[in-house]
Amino acid sequence: MRRVNRRVWRWAIPIGGGLASAILIVIATPHVVWFIRAGLALIAFLYIAGQSAAYLWSSRDQGT
């Protein structure tokens, strides 16, 4: 049970960082058309969350 709970919390940082970047892009670009803002927010979410998740994945493999 504890191991499963730890895995869930481990993914909170990549998802939270991706959401934060997406929200900041939407807030910072009120003058841009909505579909371009949505596309930029999606790209930012995928990039930031993916980079964080890749870092977490590689750190788990070290030392084994």
PDB file of N, CA and C in Angstrom:
ATOM      1  N   MET A   1       0.827  -1.197   0.000  1.00  0.00           N
ATOM      2  CA  MET A   1       0.000   0.000   0.000  1.00  0.00           C
ATOM      3  C   MET A   1       0.871   1.262   0.000  1.00  0.00           C
ATOM      4  N   ARG A   2       1.903   1.247   0.806  1.00  0.00           N
ATOM      5  CA  ARG A   2       2.761   2.413   0.898  1.00  0.00           C
ATOM      6  C   ARG A   2       3.497   2.681  -0.413  1.00  0.00           C
ATOM      7  N   ARG A   3       3.903   1.593  -1.085  1.00  0.00           N
ATOM      8  CA  ARG A   3       4.612   1.741  -2.357  1.00  0.00           C
ATOM      9  C   ARG A   3       3.705   2.348  -3.430  1.00  0.00           C
ATOM     10  N   VAL A   4       2.456   1.933  -3.470  1.00  0.00           N
ATOM     11  CA  VAL A   4       1.509   2.476  -4.449  1.00  0.00           C
ATOM     12  C   VAL A   4       1.264   3.951  -4.174  1.00  0.00           C
ATOM     13  N   ASN A   5       1.095   4.315  -2.920  1.00  0.00           N
ATOM     14  CA  ASN A   5       0.870   5.708  -2.550  1.00  0.00           C
ATOM     15  C   ASN A   5       2.072   6.565  -2.931  1.00  0.00           C
ATOM     16  N   ARG A   6       3.259   6.031  -2.790  1.00  0.00           N
ATOM     17  CA  ARG A   6       4.467   6.761  -3.140  1.00  0.00           C
ATOM     18  C   ARG A   6       4.523   7.011  -4.645  1.00  0.00           C
ATOM     19  N   ARG A   7       4.112   6.030  -5.444  1.00  0.00           N
ATOM     20  CA  ARG A   7       4.102   6.209  -6.898  1.00  0.00           C
ATOM     21  C   ARG A   7       3.131   7.304  -7.326  1.00  0.00           C
ATOM     22  N   VAL A   8       1.993   7.351  -6.680  1.00  0.00           N
ATOM     23  CA  VAL A   8       1.006   8.382  -7.028  1.00  0.00           C
ATOM     24  C   VAL A   8       1.569   9.769  -6.740  1.00  0.00           C
ATOM     25  N   TRP A   9       2.184   9.960  -5.597  1.00  0.00           N
ATOM     26  CA  TRP A   9       2.756  11.259  -5.250  1.00  0.00           C
ATOM     27  C   TRP A   9       3.943  11.601  -6.134  1.00  0.00           C
ATOM     28  N   ARG A  10       4.639  10.591  -6.622  1.00  0.00           N
ATOM     29  CA  ARG A  10       5.784  10.844  -7.481  1.00  0.00           C
ATOM     30  C   ARG A  10       5.373  11.498  -8.799  1.00  0.00           C
ATOM     31  N   TRP A  11       4.182  11.217  -9.266  1.00  0.00           N
ATOM     32  CA  TRP A  11       3.700  11.807 -10.508  1.00  0.00           C
ATOM     33  C   TRP A  11       3.039  13.161 -10.306  1.00  0.00           C
ATOM     34  N   ALA A  12       2.859  13.586  -9.068  1.00  0.00           N
ATOM     35  CA  ALA A  12       2.216  14.878  -8.805  1.00  0.00           C
ATOM     36  C   ALA A  12       3.061  16.044  -9.310  1.00  0.00           C
ATOM     37  N   ILE A  13       4.384  15.950  -9.187  1.00  0.00           N
ATOM     38  CA  ILE A  13       5.246  17.053  -9.617  1.00  0.00           C
ATOM     39  C   ILE A  13       5.244  17.222 -11.140  1.00  0.00           C
ATOM     40  N   PRO A  14       5.425  16.174 -11.930  1.00  0.00           N
ATOM     41  CA  PRO A  14       5.363  16.398 -13.388  1.00  0.00           C
ATOM     42  C   PRO A  14       4.002  16.913 -13.868  1.00  0.00           C
ATOM     43  N   ILE A  15       2.936  16.364 -13.329  1.00  0.00           N
ATOM     44  CA  ILE A  15       1.606  16.813 -13.754  1.00  0.00           C
ATOM     45  C   ILE A  15       1.338  18.236 -13.267  1.00  0.00           C
ATOM     46  N   GLY A  16       1.713  18.519 -12.034  1.00  0.00           N
ATOM     47  CA  GLY A  16       1.526  19.868 -11.498  1.00  0.00           C
ATOM     48  C   GLY A  16       2.338  20.910 -12.245  1.00  0.00           C
ATOM     49  N   GLY A  17       3.575  20.572 -12.571  1.00  0.00           N
ATOM     50  CA  GLY A  17       4.403  21.503 -13.340  1.00  0.00           C
ATOM     51  C   GLY A  17       3.861  21.735 -14.735  1.00  0.00           C
ATOM     52  N   GLY A  18       3.384  20.681 -15.366  1.00  0.00           N
ATOM     53  CA  GLY A  18       2.790  20.824 -16.693  1.00  0.00           C
ATOM     54  C   GLY A  18       1.533  21.676 -16.666  1.00  0.00           C
ATOM     55  N   LEU A  19       0.699  21.455 -15.665  1.00  0.00           N
ATOM     56  CA  LEU A  19      -0.519  22.270 -15.540  1.00  0.00           C
ATOM     57  C   LEU A  19      -0.187  23.728 -15.246  1.00  0.00           C
ATOM     58  N   ALA A  20       0.785  23.957 -14.383  1.00  0.00           N
ATOM     59  CA  ALA A  20       1.173  25.332 -14.060  1.00  0.00           C
ATOM     60  C   ALA A  20       1.675  26.061 -15.303  1.00  0.00           C
ATOM     61  N   SER A  21       2.496  25.404 -16.104  1.00  0.00           N
ATOM     62  CA  SER A  21       2.995  26.056 -17.318  1.00  0.00           C
ATOM     63  C   SER A  21       1.872  26.319 -18.316  1.00  0.00           C
ATOM     64  N   ALA A  22       0.952  25.382 -18.440  1.00  0.00           N
ATOM     65  CA  ALA A  22      -0.169  25.575 -19.363  1.00  0.00           C
ATOM     66  C   ALA A  22      -1.056  26.730 -18.914  1.00  0.00           C
ATOM     67  N   ILE A  23      -1.317  26.808 -17.626  1.00  0.00           N
ATOM     68  CA  ILE A  23      -2.156  27.898 -17.097  1.00  0.00           C
ATOM     69  C   ILE A  23      -1.463  29.249 -17.270  1.00  0.00           C
ATOM     70  N   LEU A  24      -0.174  29.290 -17.016  1.00  0.00           N
ATOM     71  CA  LEU A  24       0.557  30.549 -17.187  1.00  0.00           C
ATOM     72  C   LEU A  24       0.557  31.010 -18.634  1.00  0.00           C
ATOM     73  N   ILE A  25       0.652  30.109 -19.573  1.00  0.00           N
ATOM     74  CA  ILE A  25       0.595  30.503 -20.980  1.00  0.00           C
ATOM     75  C   ILE A  25      -0.774  31.060 -21.331  1.00  0.00           C
ATOM     76  N   VAL A  26      -1.820  30.444 -20.842  1.00  0.00           N
ATOM     77  CA  VAL A  26      -3.175  30.930 -21.136  1.00  0.00           C
ATOM     78  C   VAL A  26      -3.396  32.311 -20.515  1.00  0.00           C
ATOM     79  N   ILE A  27      -2.913  32.501 -19.299  1.00  0.00           N
ATOM     80  CA  ILE A  27      -3.080  33.797 -18.625  1.00  0.00           C
ATOM     81  C   ILE A  27      -2.241  34.885 -19.300  1.00  0.00           C
ATOM     82  N   ALA A  28      -1.044  34.534 -19.738  1.00  0.00           N
ATOM     83  CA  ALA A  28      -0.118  35.533 -20.287  1.00  0.00           C
ATOM     84  C   ALA A  28      -0.432  35.934 -21.728  1.00  0.00           C
ATOM     85  N   THR A  29      -1.323  35.231 -22.395  1.00  0.00           N
ATOM     86  CA  THR A  29      -1.610  35.543 -23.802  1.00  0.00           C
ATOM     87  C   THR A  29      -3.094  35.799 -24.043  1.00  0.00           C
ATOM     88  N   PRO A  30      -3.669  36.812 -23.367  1.00  0.00           N
ATOM     89  CA  PRO A  30      -5.105  37.060 -23.574  1.00  0.00           C
ATOM     90  C   PRO A  30      -5.429  37.627 -24.956  1.00  0.00           C
ATOM     91  N   HIS A  31      -4.435  38.169 -25.642  1.00  0.00           N
ATOM     92  CA  HIS A  31      -4.661  38.793 -26.940  1.00  0.00           C
ATOM     93  C   HIS A  31      -4.585  37.804 -28.101  1.00  0.00           C
ATOM     94  N   VAL A  32      -4.250  36.558 -27.828  1.00  0.00           N
ATOM     95  CA  VAL A  32      -4.096  35.540 -28.864  1.00  0.00           C
ATOM     96  C   VAL A  32      -5.399  34.753 -28.993  1.00  0.00           C
ATOM     97  N   VAL A  33      -5.687  34.308 -30.190  1.00  0.00           N
ATOM     98  CA  VAL A  33      -6.896  33.535 -30.467  1.00  0.00           C
ATOM     99  C   VAL A  33      -6.906  32.280 -29.592  1.00  0.00           C
ATOM    100  N   TRP A  34      -8.093  31.838 -29.169  1.00  0.00           N
ATOM    101  CA  TRP A  34      -8.208  30.765 -28.174  1.00  0.00           C
ATOM    102  C   TRP A  34      -7.588  29.453 -28.621  1.00  0.00           C
ATOM    103  N   PHE A  35      -7.710  29.102 -29.916  1.00  0.00           N
ATOM    104  CA  PHE A  35      -7.193  27.799 -30.344  1.00  0.00           C
ATOM    105  C   PHE A  35      -5.663  27.786 -30.409  1.00  0.00           C
ATOM    106  N   ILE A  36      -5.046  28.926 -30.656  1.00  0.00           N
ATOM    107  CA  ILE A  36      -3.582  28.987 -30.600  1.00  0.00           C
ATOM    108  C   ILE A  36      -3.114  28.898 -29.144  1.00  0.00           C
ATOM    109  N   ARG A  37      -3.832  29.579 -28.250  1.00  0.00           N
ATOM    110  CA  ARG A  37      -3.508  29.491 -26.817  1.00  0.00           C
ATOM    111  C   ARG A  37      -3.659  28.064 -26.315  1.00  0.00           C
ATOM    112  N   ALA A  38      -4.715  27.398 -26.744  1.00  0.00           N
ATOM    113  CA  ALA A  38      -4.927  26.008 -26.318  1.00  0.00           C
ATOM    114  C   ALA A  38      -3.815  25.104 -26.844  1.00  0.00           C
ATOM    115  N   GLY A  39      -3.410  25.311 -28.073  1.00  0.00           N
ATOM    116  CA  GLY A  39      -2.314  24.520 -28.640  1.00  0.00           C
ATOM    117  C   GLY A  39      -1.001  24.760 -27.917  1.00  0.00           C
ATOM    118  N   LEU A  40      -0.701  26.024 -27.640  1.00  0.00           N
ATOM    119  CA  LEU A  40       0.519  26.340 -26.901  1.00  0.00           C
ATOM    120  C   LEU A  40       0.487  25.768 -25.493  1.00  0.00           C
ATOM    121  N   ALA A  41      -0.668  25.837 -24.855  1.00  0.00           N
ATOM    122  CA  ALA A  41      -0.796  25.276 -23.507  1.00  0.00           C
ATOM    123  C   ALA A  41      -0.604  23.761 -23.529  1.00  0.00           C
ATOM    124  N   LEU A  42      -1.141  23.107 -24.520  1.00  0.00           N
ATOM    125  CA  LEU A  42      -0.973  21.652 -24.639  1.00  0.00           C
ATOM    126  C   LEU A  42       0.489  21.281 -24.874  1.00  0.00           C
ATOM    127  N   ILE A  43       1.141  22.028 -25.751  1.00  0.00           N
ATOM    128  CA  ILE A  43       2.567  21.767 -26.009  1.00  0.00           C
ATOM    129  C   ILE A  43       3.381  21.989 -24.736  1.00  0.00           C
ATOM    130  N   ALA A  44       3.103  23.058 -24.010  1.00  0.00           N
ATOM    131  CA  ALA A  44       3.840  23.342 -22.777  1.00  0.00           C
ATOM    132  C   ALA A  44       3.592  22.254 -21.738  1.00  0.00           C
ATOM    133  N   PHE A  45       2.346  21.826 -21.614  1.00  0.00           N
ATOM    134  CA  PHE A  45       2.035  20.768 -20.657  1.00  0.00           C
ATOM    135  C   PHE A  45       2.789  19.491 -20.987  1.00  0.00           C
ATOM    136  N   LEU A  46       2.745  19.077 -22.236  1.00  0.00           N
ATOM    137  CA  LEU A  46       3.419  17.847 -22.636  1.00  0.00           C
ATOM    138  C   LEU A  46       4.929  17.947 -22.473  1.00  0.00           C
ATOM    139  N   TYR A  47       5.497  19.099 -22.804  1.00  0.00           N
ATOM    140  CA  TYR A  47       6.941  19.255 -22.719  1.00  0.00           C
ATOM    141  C   TYR A  47       7.415  19.273 -21.270  1.00  0.00           C
ATOM    142  N   ILE A  48       6.803  20.094 -20.435  1.00  0.00           N
ATOM    143  CA  ILE A  48       7.236  20.215 -19.039  1.00  0.00           C
ATOM    144  C   ILE A  48       6.970  18.915 -18.287  1.00  0.00           C
ATOM    145  N   ALA A  49       5.791  18.355 -18.432  1.00  0.00           N
ATOM    146  CA  ALA A  49       5.471  17.102 -17.742  1.00  0.00           C
ATOM    147  C   ALA A  49       6.359  15.967 -18.255  1.00  0.00           C
ATOM    148  N   GLY A  50       6.622  15.942 -19.540  1.00  0.00           N
ATOM    149  CA  GLY A  50       7.464  14.894 -20.106  1.00  0.00           C
ATOM    150  C   GLY A  50       8.899  14.984 -19.630  1.00  0.00           C
ATOM    151  N   GLN A  51       9.427  16.190 -19.558  1.00  0.00           N
ATOM    152  CA  GLN A  51      10.798  16.361 -19.074  1.00  0.00           C
ATOM    153  C   GLN A  51      10.916  15.944 -17.617  1.00  0.00           C
ATOM    154  N   SER A  52       9.957  16.343 -16.799  1.00  0.00           N
ATOM    155  CA  SER A  52       9.986  15.970 -15.384  1.00  0.00           C
ATOM    156  C   SER A  52       9.828  14.464 -15.218  1.00  0.00           C
ATOM    157  N   ALA A  53       8.939  13.872 -15.979  1.00  0.00           N
ATOM    158  CA  ALA A  53       8.721  12.427 -15.878  1.00  0.00           C
ATOM    159  C   ALA A  53       9.949  11.659 -16.353  1.00  0.00           C
ATOM    160  N   ALA A  54      10.603  12.153 -17.387  1.00  0.00           N
ATOM    161  CA  ALA A  54      11.815  11.492 -17.871  1.00  0.00           C
ATOM    162  C   ALA A  54      12.911  11.555 -16.820  1.00  0.00           C
ATOM    163  N   TYR A  55      13.013  12.663 -16.122  1.00  0.00           N
ATOM    164  CA  TYR A  55      14.005  12.787 -15.056  1.00  0.00           C
ATOM    165  C   TYR A  55      13.696  11.807 -13.926  1.00  0.00           C
ATOM    166  N   LEU A  56      12.428  11.702 -13.562  1.00  0.00           N
ATOM    167  CA  LEU A  56      12.061  10.773 -12.501  1.00  0.00           C
ATOM    168  C   LEU A  56      12.304   9.335 -12.930  1.00  0.00           C
ATOM    169  N   TRP A  57      12.039   9.025 -14.183  1.00  0.00           N
ATOM    170  CA  TRP A  57      12.239   7.665 -14.684  1.00  0.00           C
ATOM    171  C   TRP A  57      13.719   7.301 -14.646  1.00  0.00           C
ATOM    172  N   SER A  58      14.588   8.223 -15.057  1.00  0.00           N
ATOM    173  CA  SER A  58      16.014   7.913 -15.101  1.00  0.00           C
ATOM    174  C   SER A  58      16.614   7.831 -13.694  1.00  0.00           C
ATOM    175  N   SER A  59      16.116   8.608 -12.754  1.00  0.00           N
ATOM    176  CA  SER A  59      16.654   8.555 -11.402  1.00  0.00           C
ATOM    177  C   SER A  59      16.248   7.271 -10.701  1.00  0.00           C
ATOM    178  N   ARG A  60      15.151   6.669 -11.089  1.00  0.00           N
ATOM    179  CA  ARG A  60      14.721   5.409 -10.498  1.00  0.00           C
ATOM    180  C   ARG A  60      15.628   4.256 -10.928  1.00  0.00           C
ATOM    181  N   ASP A  61      16.156   4.357 -12.136  1.00  0.00           N
ATOM    182  CA  ASP A  61      16.994   3.288 -12.674  1.00  0.00           C
ATOM    183  C   ASP A  61      18.427   3.321 -12.146  1.00  0.00           C
ATOM    184  N   GLN A  62      18.845   4.437 -11.585  1.00  0.00           N
ATOM    185  CA  GLN A  62      20.218   4.541 -11.130  1.00  0.00           C
ATOM    186  C   GLN A  62      20.419   3.772  -9.830  1.00  0.00           C
ATOM    187  N   GLY A  63      21.560   3.178  -9.704  1.00  0.00           N
ATOM    188  CA  GLY A  63      21.900   2.494  -8.479  1.00  0.00           C
ATOM    189  C   GLY A  63      21.421   1.046  -8.397  1.00  0.00           C
ATOM    190  N   THR A  64      20.858   0.529  -9.483  1.00  0.00           N
ATOM    191  CA  THR A  64      20.393  -0.865  -9.465  1.00  0.00           C
ATOM    192  C   THR A  64      21.291  -1.750 -10.281  1.00  0.00           C
TER     193      THR A  64
END
